[in-house]
Amino acid sequence: MLIIAFCIFPIYILASENKEGTPSSIITNDLKQRVDEYSAKYIGTTTTGASVIIVKDGKIIVNNSYGYADLEEKKSVTKNTVFEWGSATKLLVWTSVMQLVEQGKLNLEEDIREYLPEGFLTKLQYKKHITMLNLMHHDAGWEESYADILSTSPASIKPLGETLQNFQPEQVKKPGEVVAYSNYGVALAGYIVERISNQPFYEYVNDNIFSVLNMKDTAIHPLQADNKEVAKQRKLVHGYEGNNKGKFNRSKNERIYIGLYPAGSAIGTAEDAARFISALMPVTGDKSPLFQSNQTLDEMLTSSKFYNNGLPRNSHGFWQGMYAVDVLEHAGNTDSFSSNMAFSKKENIGVIVMTNHPVNLDCAMVYQY
């Protein structure tokens, strides 16, 4: 729970109405020190290392590194340290989907079977068809096992389409009926991007997101075949488990490989993640480099799924959080790493937290339910 508090801390610290620096009562020049003071309570006690970045109006105003990337060798976390994004990778899928929507190549309300090989989905149980919006909202009705998508062997990685067919979950609910977090559904959306663009999903992301935003220190291929330098840097950081008393053990699994990789395989620096988040909230008068028009960006970040009481829940795959300021966010964790990305488009401020320590419960799941 302390790690969860660490994830959501920046949202509370940036939550009041004073407009002098940040949207809080903390002026920009004091923000770094305040984050340092807060982080000091947890680095070395509940997590070994972390990177924290705060961006506002397209600029990084806090870029702090804490603790160790390699505890045994006493190698510190630096700005060059790469972290596994985990489920925050899903934001790259939804951005890719909306790029294709903008180009008129994909309809969010079309039966997804129109974009898949004939007979691809073999376990559908309901006549109501699944749409891309169902995949975005995690309400396609699938029941799946998380164990199916993880492996300790790089030899287990197969082409995305083959992996999707091998690990199809049962459909146990009618589409749109129940929200149940689905890595399979997100990976399927990535495969649809692959089919429409006629290139592997990782190549599409590199061409249309990473290259556009100069994210040279991020990879998404499950073996980092798309960025050899990231693969090299990944060997320099280790994941750890702890007991909240400052005693840490290196994770039993040095690496975990994700076959359904669009759902959680991105690895990169916090600075690169900040470039991505900044592109989702361009300064007034500027156009996001990710889209031909900010109208598409606005559509993507507009509420598209609501709770039964009418409160907003999801914006085309971006989970919504309601604090003193409304935010869009996604967290993620792998076997040994955790991340959280949250931003307020209205206030033009975002927070990225990355650690080499697993969170017992995904922050995003806490927010959702």
Protein backbone atom coordinates (compact mmCIF):
# COMPACT_ATOMS: atom_id res chain seq x y z
CA MET A 1 0.00 0.00 0.00
CA LEU A 2 2.95 2.35 0.56
CA ILE A 3 3.98 1.82 -3.06
CA ILE A 4 0.43 2.62 -4.13
CA ALA A 5 0.61 5.80 -2.07
CA PHE A 6 3.87 6.61 -3.86
CA CYS A 7 2.14 6.13 -7.22
CA ILE A 8 -0.72 8.49 -6.46
CA PHE A 9 1.20 11.03 -4.39
CA PRO A 10 1.92 13.44 -7.26
CA ILE A 11 -1.76 13.66 -8.11
CA TYR A 12 -2.55 14.93 -4.63
CA ILE A 13 0.44 17.23 -4.46
CA LEU A 14 -0.73 18.92 -7.67
CA ALA A 15 -4.34 19.32 -6.68
CA SER A 16 -5.35 22.80 -5.55
CA GLU A 17 -6.34 25.93 -7.43
CA ASN A 18 -3.26 28.15 -7.10
CA LYS A 19 -2.09 28.89 -10.67
CA GLU A 20 1.24 30.62 -9.93
CA GLY A 21 3.43 27.64 -10.76
CA THR A 22 1.81 24.25 -10.76
CA PRO A 23 -1.92 23.80 -10.12
CA SER A 24 -0.97 23.46 -6.41
CA SER A 25 0.15 25.73 -3.65
CA ILE A 26 3.72 24.58 -4.35
CA ILE A 27 5.59 26.89 -6.67
CA THR A 28 7.60 25.27 -9.43
CA ASN A 29 10.98 26.07 -7.87
CA ASP A 30 10.02 24.24 -4.66
CA LEU A 31 8.46 21.21 -6.31
CA LYS A 32 11.67 19.20 -6.75
CA GLN A 33 12.51 19.51 -3.06
CA ARG A 34 9.00 18.49 -2.01
CA VAL A 35 9.16 15.39 -4.20
CA ASP A 36 12.63 14.62 -2.80
CA GLU A 37 11.32 14.87 0.76
CA TYR A 38 8.40 12.60 0.08
CA SER A 39 10.41 10.03 -1.85
CA ALA A 40 13.01 9.82 0.92
CA LYS A 41 10.40 8.06 3.06
CA TYR A 42 10.18 5.13 0.65
CA ILE A 43 13.42 4.74 -1.29
CA GLY A 44 15.48 2.11 0.50
CA THR A 45 12.58 1.00 2.66
CA THR A 46 9.77 -0.06 0.32
CA THR A 47 11.47 0.15 -3.08
CA THR A 48 15.06 0.04 -4.27
CA GLY A 49 14.95 2.67 -6.98
CA ALA A 50 12.69 5.00 -8.94
CA SER A 51 12.47 7.76 -11.50
CA VAL A 52 9.93 10.55 -11.05
CA ILE A 53 9.17 13.12 -13.73
CA ILE A 54 6.66 15.95 -13.70
CA VAL A 55 5.88 17.76 -16.95
CA LYS A 56 3.92 20.97 -17.34
CA ASP A 57 3.12 22.97 -20.47
CA GLY A 58 5.30 20.68 -22.55
CA LYS A 59 8.38 21.06 -20.34
CA ILE A 60 9.94 18.78 -17.73
CA ILE A 61 9.91 20.67 -14.43
CA VAL A 62 11.00 17.76 -12.19
CA ASN A 63 13.29 14.93 -13.25
CA ASN A 64 14.48 13.03 -10.19
CA SER A 65 16.26 9.67 -9.88
CA TYR A 66 16.42 7.72 -6.62
CA GLY A 67 18.04 4.61 -5.20
CA TYR A 68 19.68 1.74 -7.02
CA ALA A 69 19.25 0.08 -10.38
CA ASP A 70 21.65 -2.63 -9.19
CA LEU A 71 21.62 -2.93 -5.41
CA GLU A 72 24.40 -5.51 -5.18
CA GLU A 73 26.82 -3.42 -7.26
CA LYS A 74 25.54 -0.13 -5.79
CA LYS A 75 24.76 1.28 -9.24
CA SER A 76 22.38 4.19 -8.93
CA VAL A 77 19.26 4.88 -10.92
CA THR A 78 20.07 7.62 -13.44
CA LYS A 79 18.22 9.42 -16.20
CA ASN A 80 19.47 6.69 -18.55
CA THR A 81 17.98 3.84 -16.52
CA VAL A 82 15.26 1.98 -18.39
CA PHE A 83 12.17 0.58 -16.68
CA GLU A 84 9.49 -1.82 -17.83
CA TRP A 85 6.20 -0.02 -18.49
CA GLY A 86 3.99 -3.04 -17.90
CA SER A 87 0.35 -2.28 -18.64
CA ALA A 88 1.06 1.39 -19.33
CA THR A 89 2.17 0.02 -22.72
CA LYS A 90 -1.53 -0.20 -23.54
CA LEU A 91 -1.64 3.56 -24.07
CA LEU A 92 0.56 3.04 -27.13
CA VAL A 93 -2.05 0.63 -28.51
CA TRP A 94 -4.93 3.07 -28.08
CA THR A 95 -2.92 5.91 -29.60
CA SER A 96 -2.13 3.70 -32.60
CA VAL A 97 -5.80 2.76 -32.95
CA MET A 98 -6.89 6.39 -32.96
CA GLN A 99 -4.30 7.25 -35.58
CA LEU A 100 -5.91 4.67 -37.87
CA VAL A 101 -9.37 5.97 -36.98
CA GLU A 102 -8.25 9.45 -38.03
CA GLN A 103 -7.06 8.04 -41.36
CA GLY A 104 -10.44 6.41 -41.97
CA LYS A 105 -8.97 2.90 -41.86
CA LEU A 106 -10.69 1.72 -38.68
CA ASN A 107 -14.18 2.15 -37.24
CA LEU A 108 -14.46 1.93 -33.46
CA GLU A 109 -17.99 0.48 -33.65
CA GLU A 110 -17.35 -2.10 -36.39
CA ASP A 111 -17.33 -5.84 -35.64
CA ILE A 112 -13.62 -6.54 -35.05
CA ARG A 113 -13.91 -9.74 -37.11
CA GLU A 114 -13.95 -7.47 -40.16
CA TYR A 115 -10.29 -6.72 -39.44
CA LEU A 116 -9.20 -10.28 -38.59
CA PRO A 117 -8.55 -13.39 -40.69
CA GLU A 118 -11.69 -15.42 -41.27
CA GLY A 119 -12.40 -17.77 -38.37
CA PHE A 120 -9.66 -16.22 -36.22
CA LEU A 121 -11.78 -16.04 -33.05
CA THR A 122 -13.04 -19.55 -32.23
CA LYS A 123 -14.48 -19.19 -28.72
CA LEU A 124 -17.15 -16.52 -29.17
CA GLN A 125 -20.41 -17.42 -27.41
CA TYR A 126 -22.71 -14.46 -28.12
CA LYS A 127 -24.33 -13.05 -31.23
CA LYS A 128 -23.58 -9.49 -30.16
CA HIS A 129 -20.38 -8.54 -31.92
CA ILE A 130 -17.23 -7.18 -30.26
CA THR A 131 -16.11 -3.71 -31.29
CA MET A 132 -12.85 -1.83 -30.83
CA LEU A 133 -14.63 0.20 -28.15
CA ASN A 134 -15.24 -3.05 -26.25
CA LEU A 135 -11.52 -3.76 -26.41
CA MET A 136 -10.77 -0.23 -25.21
CA HIS A 137 -13.23 -0.56 -22.33
CA HIS A 138 -12.17 -4.11 -21.38
CA ASP A 139 -15.75 -5.33 -21.69
CA ALA A 140 -15.55 -7.83 -24.57
CA GLY A 141 -16.64 -10.56 -22.13
CA TRP A 142 -13.47 -12.66 -21.96
CA GLU A 143 -12.25 -14.66 -19.00
CA GLU A 144 -8.50 -15.08 -19.21
CA SER A 145 -5.48 -16.28 -17.29
CA TYR A 146 -2.59 -13.90 -16.66
CA ALA A 147 -0.20 -16.86 -16.53
CA ASP A 148 -0.73 -17.47 -20.23
CA ILE A 149 1.03 -14.29 -21.33
CA LEU A 150 4.24 -14.55 -19.29
CA SER A 151 7.34 -16.68 -19.83
CA THR A 152 10.92 -16.81 -18.58
CA SER A 153 12.16 -18.08 -21.94
CA PRO A 154 12.82 -15.81 -24.94
CA ALA A 155 12.31 -18.88 -27.15
CA SER A 156 8.63 -18.82 -26.17
CA ILE A 157 8.01 -15.62 -28.13
CA LYS A 158 6.03 -16.31 -31.30
CA PRO A 159 4.44 -13.97 -33.87
CA LEU A 160 1.62 -11.98 -32.32
CA GLY A 161 -1.14 -13.56 -34.40
CA GLU A 162 0.01 -17.07 -33.51
CA THR A 163 0.16 -16.20 -29.81
CA LEU A 164 -3.32 -14.74 -29.90
CA GLN A 165 -4.74 -17.88 -31.46
CA ASN A 166 -2.93 -20.17 -29.02
CA PHE A 167 -4.17 -18.37 -25.92
CA GLN A 168 -7.74 -17.43 -26.76
CA PRO A 169 -9.78 -17.07 -23.56
CA GLU A 170 -13.36 -18.20 -23.15
CA GLN A 171 -16.03 -15.59 -23.74
CA VAL A 172 -18.22 -15.79 -20.62
CA LYS A 173 -20.14 -12.50 -20.78
CA LYS A 174 -21.99 -10.60 -23.47
CA PRO A 175 -19.94 -7.70 -24.90
CA GLY A 176 -20.53 -4.47 -23.00
CA GLU A 177 -21.97 -6.21 -19.95
CA VAL A 178 -19.04 -6.47 -17.53
CA VAL A 179 -15.69 -4.66 -17.31
CA ALA A 180 -12.97 -7.27 -16.79
CA TYR A 181 -9.37 -6.19 -17.35
CA SER A 182 -8.16 -7.96 -20.48
CA ASN A 183 -4.57 -8.19 -21.69
CA TYR A 184 -5.81 -10.43 -24.48
CA GLY A 185 -8.23 -7.79 -25.75
CA VAL A 186 -5.51 -5.13 -25.87
CA ALA A 187 -3.08 -7.43 -27.65
CA LEU A 188 -5.86 -8.24 -30.14
CA ALA A 189 -6.28 -4.51 -30.77
CA GLY A 190 -2.53 -4.33 -31.44
CA TYR A 191 -2.87 -7.18 -33.91
CA ILE A 192 -5.67 -5.32 -35.69
CA VAL A 193 -3.30 -2.34 -36.01
CA GLU A 194 -0.76 -4.78 -37.42
CA ARG A 195 -3.24 -6.13 -39.96
CA ILE A 196 -4.46 -2.72 -41.12
CA SER A 197 -0.99 -1.16 -41.35
CA ASN A 198 0.51 -4.27 -42.95
CA GLN A 199 3.52 -4.22 -40.64
CA PRO A 200 4.35 -5.79 -37.25
CA PHE A 201 2.85 -3.82 -34.38
CA TYR A 202 6.25 -3.00 -32.91
CA GLU A 203 7.34 -1.53 -36.24
CA TYR A 204 4.17 0.54 -36.46
CA VAL A 205 4.77 2.00 -32.98
CA ASN A 206 8.40 2.75 -33.76
CA ASP A 207 7.47 4.48 -37.03
CA ASN A 208 4.42 6.40 -35.83
CA ILE A 209 5.07 7.14 -32.15
CA PHE A 210 8.67 6.60 -31.03
CA SER A 211 10.33 8.16 -34.08
CA VAL A 212 7.84 11.01 -34.23
CA LEU A 213 8.49 11.91 -30.57
CA ASN A 214 12.25 11.21 -30.64
CA MET A 215 11.80 8.41 -28.10
CA LYS A 216 15.18 6.87 -28.87
CA ASP A 217 15.46 5.12 -25.50
CA THR A 218 12.28 3.03 -25.62
CA ALA A 219 11.52 -0.37 -27.13
CA ILE A 220 8.29 -2.35 -27.41
CA HIS A 221 9.36 -5.57 -29.13
CA PRO A 222 9.15 -8.40 -26.53
CA LEU A 223 12.87 -9.14 -27.03
CA GLN A 224 13.84 -5.48 -27.64
CA ALA A 225 14.81 -6.40 -31.20
CA ASP A 226 13.65 -2.93 -32.23
CA ASN A 227 16.25 -1.13 -30.09
CA LYS A 228 19.58 -2.81 -29.28
CA GLU A 229 20.65 0.01 -26.95
CA VAL A 230 17.54 -0.47 -24.79
CA ALA A 231 18.27 -4.21 -24.70
CA LYS A 232 21.76 -3.36 -23.47
CA GLN A 233 20.51 -0.91 -20.84
CA ARG A 234 17.92 -3.42 -19.61
CA LYS A 235 20.77 -5.72 -18.52
CA LEU A 236 22.02 -2.99 -16.16
CA VAL A 237 18.86 -2.75 -14.06
CA HIS A 238 17.37 -5.45 -11.86
CA GLY A 239 14.01 -5.95 -10.23
CA TYR A 240 13.72 -6.50 -6.49
CA GLU A 241 11.27 -7.74 -3.91
CA GLY A 242 11.19 -6.35 -0.37
CA ASN A 243 9.48 -6.64 3.00
CA ASN A 244 8.87 -2.92 3.68
CA LYS A 245 11.77 -2.92 6.18
CA GLY A 246 14.58 -2.09 3.82
CA LYS A 247 15.56 -5.69 3.06
CA PHE A 248 15.48 -6.55 -0.64
CA ASN A 249 16.04 -9.66 -2.69
CA ARG A 250 16.66 -9.68 -6.40
CA SER A 251 13.68 -11.07 -8.27
CA LYS A 252 13.85 -14.82 -8.90
CA ASN A 253 13.08 -14.15 -12.55
CA GLU A 254 15.78 -11.97 -14.07
CA ARG A 255 13.58 -11.45 -17.12
CA ILE A 256 9.95 -12.03 -18.00
CA TYR A 257 8.89 -12.17 -21.65
CA ILE A 258 5.38 -11.21 -22.74
CA GLY A 259 3.97 -13.03 -25.74
CA LEU A 260 0.94 -10.73 -25.95
CA TYR A 261 3.43 -7.89 -26.02
CA PRO A 262 1.18 -4.92 -26.99
CA ALA A 263 -0.42 -5.38 -23.57
CA GLY A 264 2.72 -4.74 -21.54
CA SER A 265 6.15 -5.04 -23.14
CA ALA A 266 7.44 -1.47 -23.50
CA ILE A 267 10.76 -0.68 -21.81
CA GLY A 268 12.36 2.74 -21.69
CA THR A 269 13.51 5.78 -19.77
CA ALA A 270 11.17 7.99 -17.78
CA GLU A 271 12.21 10.93 -19.97
CA ASP A 272 10.91 9.14 -23.05
CA ALA A 273 7.65 8.41 -21.26
CA ALA A 274 7.41 12.12 -20.50
CA ARG A 275 7.75 12.90 -24.21
CA PHE A 276 4.77 10.64 -24.88
CA ILE A 277 2.61 12.13 -22.12
CA SER A 278 3.51 15.68 -23.22
CA ALA A 279 2.35 14.87 -26.76
CA LEU A 280 -1.07 13.98 -25.33
CA MET A 281 -1.54 17.47 -23.88
CA PRO A 282 -0.04 19.99 -26.33
CA VAL A 283 0.25 23.60 -25.26
CA THR A 284 -2.66 25.78 -26.38
CA GLY A 285 -2.17 26.70 -30.01
CA ASP A 286 0.12 23.74 -30.74
CA LYS A 287 -0.83 20.54 -32.53
CA SER A 288 0.00 17.13 -31.12
CA PRO A 289 2.65 15.52 -33.35
CA LEU A 290 0.82 12.21 -32.97
CA PHE A 291 -2.26 13.23 -34.95
CA GLN A 292 -3.17 15.17 -38.05
CA SER A 293 -5.65 17.16 -35.97
CA ASN A 294 -6.10 17.80 -32.26
CA GLN A 295 -9.73 16.90 -32.80
CA THR A 296 -8.70 13.23 -32.89
CA LEU A 297 -6.69 13.66 -29.69
CA ASP A 298 -9.67 15.34 -28.02
CA GLU A 299 -11.90 12.47 -29.10
CA MET A 300 -9.49 9.90 -27.68
CA LEU A 301 -9.33 11.67 -24.32
CA THR A 302 -13.11 12.18 -24.04
CA SER A 303 -15.11 9.88 -21.74
CA SER A 304 -16.42 6.87 -23.63
CA LYS A 305 -17.38 4.54 -20.76
CA PHE A 306 -19.24 5.43 -17.55
CA TYR A 307 -20.04 3.79 -14.23
CA ASN A 308 -23.67 2.94 -13.52
CA ASN A 309 -23.97 6.15 -11.48
CA GLY A 310 -22.93 8.22 -14.49
CA LEU A 311 -19.38 9.01 -13.36
CA PRO A 312 -16.74 8.79 -16.12
CA ARG A 313 -14.71 5.60 -16.12
CA ASN A 314 -12.69 5.29 -19.31
CA SER A 315 -11.67 7.45 -22.26
CA HIS A 316 -10.96 5.17 -25.21
CA GLY A 317 -8.63 2.99 -23.13
CA PHE A 318 -7.32 5.72 -20.79
CA TRP A 319 -8.64 5.15 -17.26
CA GLN A 320 -10.14 8.19 -15.59
CA GLY A 321 -9.32 9.25 -12.05
CA MET A 322 -11.19 11.89 -10.12
CA TYR A 323 -9.14 13.68 -7.49
CA ALA A 324 -8.99 17.39 -6.76
CA VAL A 325 -8.26 17.58 -10.49
CA ASP A 326 -9.54 15.04 -13.00
CA VAL A 327 -6.79 12.93 -14.55
CA LEU A 328 -6.32 10.29 -17.21
CA GLU A 329 -3.96 7.53 -16.23
CA HIS A 330 -2.63 4.03 -16.61
CA ALA A 331 -0.41 2.05 -14.31
CA GLY A 332 1.40 -1.18 -14.94
CA ASN A 333 3.53 -3.83 -13.35
CA THR A 334 5.53 -6.79 -14.52
CA ASP A 335 7.31 -9.42 -12.47
CA SER A 336 9.84 -6.90 -11.16
CA PHE A 337 8.84 -3.39 -12.22
CA SER A 338 6.01 -0.90 -11.77
CA SER A 339 5.00 2.28 -13.52
CA ASN A 340 2.30 4.90 -13.31
CA MET A 341 1.51 7.63 -15.84
CA ALA A 342 -1.13 10.23 -15.05
CA PHE A 343 -1.94 13.60 -16.53
CA SER A 344 -4.49 16.37 -16.50
CA LYS A 345 -5.04 17.74 -19.99
CA LYS A 346 -7.00 20.67 -18.57
CA GLU A 347 -4.15 21.70 -16.27
CA ASN A 348 -1.50 20.60 -18.80
CA ILE A 349 0.47 18.71 -16.19
CA GLY A 350 1.55 15.08 -15.99
CA VAL A 351 3.39 12.74 -13.63
CA ILE A 352 5.43 9.64 -14.46
CA VAL A 353 6.66 7.29 -11.72
CA MET A 354 8.75 4.22 -12.55
CA THR A 355 10.29 1.73 -10.12
CA ASN A 356 12.25 -1.52 -10.19
CA HIS A 357 9.95 -3.04 -7.60
CA PRO A 358 6.64 -4.86 -8.18
CA VAL A 359 3.41 -3.45 -6.82
CA ASN A 360 1.19 -6.05 -5.16
CA LEU A 361 -1.89 -4.51 -6.73
CA ASP A 362 -1.78 -2.52 -9.96
CA CYS A 363 -2.52 1.16 -9.19
CA ALA A 364 -4.81 1.32 -12.21
CA MET A 365 -6.88 -1.53 -10.83
CA VAL A 366 -7.27 0.32 -7.53
CA TYR A 367 -8.53 3.38 -9.38
CA GLN A 368 -10.89 1.41 -11.59
CA TYR A 369 -12.74 -0.44 -8.91
